[in-house]
Amino acid sequence: MPKPAQNWDPTLPPLDMTGSRCPRYALTYRSLRRFPEALATVDRVLAWEPTNADALSMKASVLWATGDLQAVEPLLANPGTEPLVPGLGWPVRGVQALFQRRYAAAIEILSSAVAAKTKRGEPSDNEELLLGLSQQRAGDAAAARATYQKAAQDIQRELEKVGPGYTEAQLHAALGRAYAGLGDAASAIAEGQKAMAIYPLSKDPMDGPGREEDMADIYALLGDADHAIPILKRLLQTPYGFAITPALLRLDPVWDPIRNDPRFQELAAEKKP
């Protein structure tokens, strides 16, 4: 997730909404699940600059949160523009394909993203984790295992280079997801708990809950509905950066291992997005 803004009060003054402030304003509304205002904010930017990648990616995030996959498609119509999921760097096309359960397309897009970052000497663990999930859901267990193993190794190397704080928490959460993908429950849970301890909600109400959502991801990947569902139930009532919604519970394949649990179905079936 992106570095939290210092002030995310939705009553921010009406400054230049076509400039660099737009993503912060839109994220404010997105965090509060005020989706019409978030869409209006990014649409003002896109009216001036239709290929603005930051605005396109933010709009895709808002539309996913409301469950409107069809409305995301026009955002991907510009071949020269490749929007990336805010804060994570995932190709929006790859996430869209994953949410549409077009796993072969998601694997192709994410594999290309990993290769491109590797060629540039950039970390690609975020893309590797999503690629591993896509391979897992496509039924290619061997490929998924290899991808998760590489992600775990890459994340461990990154952890050796960072100091304490936000990035460290993100990396521990990512390592937890990699271990969960490998079926190593004890290590996965330990890493997720480290992430929450390093960057809790009490330290940052904007992004702290994101580490709790990472923990729910880990439990879901392990098929542990008893631990994942109480976290999700609480987060659905909590404003935070890129907050989870019932629509995202319905769309995201990460929740598939607990999808048949009636308690999860109740959360995912809520009428709000």
Protein backbone atom coordinates (compact mmCIF):
# COMPACT_ATOMS: atom_id res chain seq x y z
CA MET A 1 0.00 0.00 0.00
CA PRO A 2 1.12 3.59 -0.50
CA LYS A 3 2.72 5.66 2.22
CA PRO A 4 -0.14 7.04 4.32
CA ALA A 5 -1.18 10.66 3.95
CA GLN A 6 -0.85 12.72 7.13
CA ASN A 7 -4.35 14.12 6.81
CA TRP A 8 -7.15 12.05 5.37
CA ASP A 9 -10.09 14.11 6.59
CA PRO A 10 -12.72 14.02 3.81
CA THR A 11 -13.42 17.74 4.35
CA LEU A 12 -10.14 18.70 2.66
CA PRO A 13 -10.41 22.12 0.98
CA PRO A 14 -11.23 22.21 -2.73
CA LEU A 15 -7.69 22.75 -4.01
CA ASP A 16 -6.46 21.90 -7.51
CA MET A 17 -8.05 18.53 -8.12
CA THR A 18 -6.37 18.14 -11.49
CA GLY A 19 -2.85 18.10 -10.07
CA SER A 20 -0.72 15.94 -7.84
CA ARG A 21 -3.18 16.19 -4.94
CA CYS A 22 -5.81 14.13 -6.75
CA PRO A 23 -4.58 10.66 -5.75
CA ARG A 24 -4.50 11.71 -2.09
CA TYR A 25 -8.03 13.11 -2.23
CA ALA A 26 -9.31 10.05 -4.04
CA LEU A 27 -7.59 7.76 -1.55
CA THR A 28 -9.26 9.67 1.28
CA TYR A 29 -12.68 8.97 -0.18
CA ARG A 30 -11.70 5.40 -1.11
CA SER A 31 -10.56 4.79 2.48
CA LEU A 32 -13.91 5.94 3.81
CA ARG A 33 -15.72 3.84 1.19
CA ARG A 34 -17.26 7.01 -0.25
CA PHE A 35 -16.96 5.68 -3.75
CA PRO A 36 -19.01 8.26 -5.71
CA GLU A 37 -16.75 11.05 -4.40
CA ALA A 38 -13.64 9.00 -5.15
CA LEU A 39 -14.77 8.39 -8.73
CA ALA A 40 -15.70 12.05 -9.22
CA THR A 41 -12.23 13.05 -8.05
CA VAL A 42 -10.34 10.85 -10.49
CA ASP A 43 -12.76 11.62 -13.30
CA ARG A 44 -11.87 15.30 -13.02
CA VAL A 45 -8.23 14.39 -13.65
CA LEU A 46 -9.07 12.03 -16.51
CA ALA A 47 -11.17 14.73 -18.16
CA TRP A 48 -7.98 16.77 -18.47
CA GLU A 49 -5.57 13.90 -19.02
CA PRO A 50 -7.28 10.67 -20.16
CA THR A 51 -4.08 8.61 -20.00
CA ASN A 52 -2.98 9.70 -16.51
CA ALA A 53 -1.77 6.35 -15.15
CA ASP A 54 -2.17 7.30 -11.48
CA ALA A 55 -5.78 8.35 -11.99
CA LEU A 56 -6.54 5.26 -14.09
CA SER A 57 -5.13 2.94 -11.45
CA MET A 58 -6.97 4.71 -8.64
CA LYS A 59 -10.23 4.52 -10.59
CA ALA A 60 -9.70 0.80 -11.18
CA SER A 61 -9.16 0.32 -7.43
CA VAL A 62 -12.43 2.12 -6.66
CA LEU A 63 -14.37 0.17 -9.29
CA TRP A 64 -13.02 -3.15 -7.99
CA ALA A 65 -14.13 -2.13 -4.50
CA THR A 66 -17.67 -1.72 -5.84
CA GLY A 67 -17.49 -4.96 -7.84
CA ASP A 68 -17.78 -3.29 -11.26
CA LEU A 69 -15.30 -5.25 -13.38
CA GLN A 70 -16.98 -4.22 -16.62
CA ALA A 71 -16.34 -0.53 -15.93
CA VAL A 72 -12.61 -1.24 -15.53
CA GLU A 73 -12.26 -2.51 -19.10
CA PRO A 74 -12.32 0.94 -20.81
CA LEU A 75 -9.47 2.03 -18.53
CA LEU A 76 -7.28 -0.59 -20.18
CA ALA A 77 -8.04 0.51 -23.75
CA ASN A 78 -4.85 2.54 -24.24
CA PRO A 79 -2.07 0.15 -25.35
CA GLY A 80 0.67 2.66 -24.47
CA THR A 81 -0.60 3.19 -20.91
CA GLU A 82 -0.04 0.48 -18.32
CA PRO A 83 -1.55 1.58 -14.99
CA LEU A 84 -0.21 -0.10 -11.85
CA VAL A 85 -2.15 -0.85 -8.67
CA PRO A 86 -1.37 2.01 -6.25
CA GLY A 87 1.32 1.18 -3.70
CA LEU A 88 1.80 -2.39 -4.87
CA GLY A 89 2.89 -2.01 -8.47
CA TRP A 90 0.78 -4.88 -9.80
CA PRO A 91 -0.32 -4.39 -13.42
CA VAL A 92 -3.98 -3.41 -13.36
CA ARG A 93 -4.49 -5.71 -16.37
CA GLY A 94 -3.15 -8.64 -14.37
CA VAL A 95 -5.40 -8.02 -11.38
CA GLN A 96 -8.40 -7.52 -13.65
CA ALA A 97 -7.70 -10.86 -15.34
CA LEU A 98 -7.30 -12.55 -11.96
CA PHE A 99 -10.58 -11.13 -10.68
CA GLN A 100 -12.25 -12.31 -13.90
CA ARG A 101 -10.79 -15.78 -13.23
CA ARG A 102 -8.90 -15.65 -16.52
CA TYR A 103 -5.92 -17.32 -14.95
CA ALA A 104 -3.95 -18.00 -18.14
CA ALA A 105 -4.10 -14.30 -19.02
CA ALA A 106 -3.18 -13.28 -15.47
CA ILE A 107 -0.19 -15.64 -15.48
CA GLU A 108 1.04 -14.26 -18.80
CA ILE A 109 0.72 -10.63 -17.70
CA LEU A 110 2.29 -11.18 -14.28
CA SER A 111 5.10 -13.34 -15.65
CA SER A 112 5.99 -10.52 -18.03
CA ALA A 113 5.90 -8.02 -15.17
CA VAL A 114 8.25 -10.18 -13.08
CA ALA A 115 10.63 -10.59 -16.02
CA ALA A 116 10.65 -6.86 -16.74
CA LYS A 117 11.41 -5.93 -13.14
CA THR A 118 14.09 -8.60 -12.89
CA LYS A 119 15.74 -7.23 -16.03
CA ARG A 120 15.76 -3.75 -14.49
CA GLY A 121 17.19 -5.08 -11.23
CA GLU A 122 14.05 -4.14 -9.27
CA PRO A 123 12.31 -6.24 -6.59
CA SER A 124 9.45 -8.26 -8.04
CA ASP A 125 8.12 -10.05 -4.96
CA ASN A 126 4.71 -8.33 -5.09
CA GLU A 127 4.21 -9.57 -8.64
CA GLU A 128 5.58 -13.00 -7.72
CA LEU A 129 3.03 -13.39 -4.93
CA LEU A 130 0.17 -12.57 -7.28
CA LEU A 131 1.65 -14.83 -9.95
CA GLY A 132 1.89 -17.68 -7.43
CA LEU A 133 -1.76 -17.19 -6.49
CA SER A 134 -2.77 -17.20 -10.17
CA GLN A 135 -0.83 -20.41 -10.81
CA GLN A 136 -2.30 -21.97 -7.69
CA ARG A 137 -5.86 -21.15 -8.70
CA ALA A 138 -5.14 -22.40 -12.24
CA GLY A 139 -4.24 -25.78 -10.76
CA ASP A 140 -0.50 -25.66 -11.52
CA ALA A 141 0.76 -26.58 -8.07
CA ALA A 142 4.37 -27.14 -9.15
CA ALA A 143 4.68 -23.73 -10.81
CA ALA A 144 2.97 -22.02 -7.86
CA ARG A 145 5.34 -23.66 -5.41
CA ALA A 146 8.39 -22.58 -7.41
CA THR A 147 7.07 -19.01 -7.61
CA TYR A 148 6.30 -18.82 -3.90
CA GLN A 149 9.73 -20.22 -3.05
CA LYS A 150 11.45 -17.61 -5.19
CA ALA A 151 9.29 -14.86 -3.65
CA ALA A 152 10.24 -16.01 -0.14
CA GLN A 153 13.93 -15.95 -1.02
CA ASP A 154 13.67 -12.51 -2.62
CA ILE A 155 11.77 -11.08 0.35
CA GLN A 156 14.27 -12.48 2.83
CA ARG A 157 17.07 -10.70 0.93
CA GLU A 158 15.10 -7.44 0.97
CA LEU A 159 14.51 -7.73 4.71
CA GLU A 160 18.26 -7.76 5.25
CA LYS A 161 18.49 -4.30 3.65
CA VAL A 162 15.67 -2.37 5.36
CA GLY A 163 15.42 -0.69 8.71
CA PRO A 164 12.53 -0.87 11.16
CA GLY A 165 9.20 0.59 10.14
CA TYR A 166 6.58 0.56 7.42
CA THR A 167 8.56 -1.20 4.68
CA GLU A 168 9.79 -3.83 7.12
CA ALA A 169 6.19 -4.58 8.13
CA GLN A 170 5.15 -4.86 4.49
CA LEU A 171 7.95 -7.31 3.80
CA HIS A 172 7.14 -9.50 6.79
CA ALA A 173 3.50 -9.62 5.66
CA ALA A 174 4.60 -10.51 2.13
CA LEU A 175 6.86 -13.24 3.47
CA GLY A 176 3.92 -14.56 5.44
CA ARG A 177 1.84 -14.79 2.26
CA ALA A 178 4.67 -16.62 0.51
CA TYR A 179 4.92 -19.14 3.35
CA ALA A 180 1.13 -19.53 3.34
CA GLY A 181 1.26 -20.25 -0.37
CA LEU A 182 3.81 -22.95 0.41
CA GLY A 183 1.58 -24.40 3.14
CA ASP A 184 3.99 -23.54 5.97
CA ALA A 185 1.36 -22.41 8.46
CA ALA A 186 3.61 -21.80 11.48
CA SER A 187 6.06 -19.60 9.57
CA ALA A 188 3.29 -17.77 7.71
CA ILE A 189 1.39 -16.86 10.86
CA ALA A 190 4.57 -15.80 12.64
CA GLU A 191 5.50 -13.41 9.82
CA GLY A 192 2.00 -11.93 9.68
CA GLN A 193 2.02 -11.33 13.41
CA LYS A 194 5.42 -9.64 13.14
CA ALA A 195 4.01 -7.29 10.53
CA MET A 196 1.07 -6.33 12.74
CA ALA A 197 3.35 -5.77 15.75
CA ILE A 198 5.71 -3.54 13.76
CA TYR A 199 2.99 -1.39 12.17
CA PRO A 200 -0.25 -1.63 14.17
CA LEU A 201 -3.45 0.33 13.78
CA SER A 202 -2.53 2.32 16.89
CA LYS A 203 0.55 3.66 15.07
CA ASP A 204 -1.22 4.54 11.82
CA PRO A 205 -5.01 4.31 11.40
CA MET A 206 -4.67 4.77 7.64
CA ASP A 207 -2.33 1.88 6.82
CA GLY A 208 -2.10 -0.08 10.08
CA PRO A 209 -5.29 -2.03 9.30
CA GLY A 210 -3.66 -3.12 6.05
CA ARG A 211 -1.35 -5.36 8.05
CA GLU A 212 -4.43 -6.93 9.65
CA GLU A 213 -5.85 -7.54 6.18
CA ASP A 214 -2.54 -9.20 5.27
CA MET A 215 -3.03 -11.45 8.28
CA ALA A 216 -6.52 -12.34 7.06
CA ASP A 217 -5.01 -13.12 3.64
CA ILE A 218 -2.54 -15.48 5.29
CA TYR A 219 -5.21 -17.27 7.29
CA ALA A 220 -7.40 -17.56 4.17
CA LEU A 221 -4.56 -19.02 2.10
CA LEU A 222 -4.12 -21.58 4.88
CA GLY A 223 -7.85 -22.36 4.84
CA ASP A 224 -8.26 -21.06 8.42
CA ALA A 225 -11.70 -19.44 8.35
CA ASP A 226 -11.97 -19.32 12.13
CA HIS A 227 -9.15 -16.79 12.34
CA ALA A 228 -9.65 -14.97 9.02
CA ILE A 229 -13.36 -14.16 9.35
CA PRO A 230 -13.27 -12.20 12.64
CA ILE A 231 -10.53 -10.00 11.18
CA LEU A 232 -12.54 -9.40 8.02
CA LYS A 233 -15.69 -8.65 9.97
CA ARG A 234 -13.86 -5.96 11.93
CA LEU A 235 -12.10 -4.50 8.89
CA LEU A 236 -15.35 -4.14 6.96
CA GLN A 237 -16.34 -1.58 9.60
CA THR A 238 -12.96 0.19 9.63
CA PRO A 239 -11.89 3.04 7.34
CA TYR A 240 -8.34 2.62 6.04
CA GLY A 241 -6.27 2.82 2.88
CA PHE A 242 -7.76 0.63 0.15
CA ALA A 243 -10.25 -0.78 2.64
CA ILE A 244 -11.73 -4.23 2.03
CA THR A 245 -15.35 -4.39 0.83
CA PRO A 246 -17.89 -7.18 0.36
CA ALA A 247 -17.38 -6.84 -3.41
CA LEU A 248 -13.64 -7.49 -3.03
CA LEU A 249 -14.43 -10.54 -0.92
CA ARG A 250 -16.52 -11.81 -3.80
CA LEU A 251 -13.96 -11.01 -6.49
CA ASP A 252 -10.56 -11.88 -5.05
CA PRO A 253 -9.49 -15.54 -5.46
CA VAL A 254 -7.29 -15.23 -2.36
CA TRP A 255 -10.45 -15.91 -0.34
CA ASP A 256 -11.38 -19.09 -2.22
CA PRO A 257 -10.16 -21.52 0.48
CA ILE A 258 -12.72 -20.10 2.93
CA ARG A 259 -15.38 -19.07 0.40
CA ASN A 260 -17.78 -21.91 1.26
CA ASP A 261 -17.89 -21.01 4.94
CA PRO A 262 -21.38 -19.59 5.69
CA ARG A 263 -19.85 -16.86 7.87
CA PHE A 264 -17.71 -15.67 4.96
CA GLN A 265 -20.65 -15.84 2.56
CA GLU A 266 -22.63 -13.64 4.92
CA LEU A 267 -19.90 -10.97 4.86
CA ALA A 268 -19.48 -11.19 1.09
CA ALA A 269 -23.24 -10.98 0.47
CA GLU A 270 -23.76 -7.63 2.16
CA LYS A 271 -25.65 -5.19 -0.06
CA LYS A 272 -23.03 -2.47 0.29
CA PRO A 273 -20.13 -2.80 -2.18
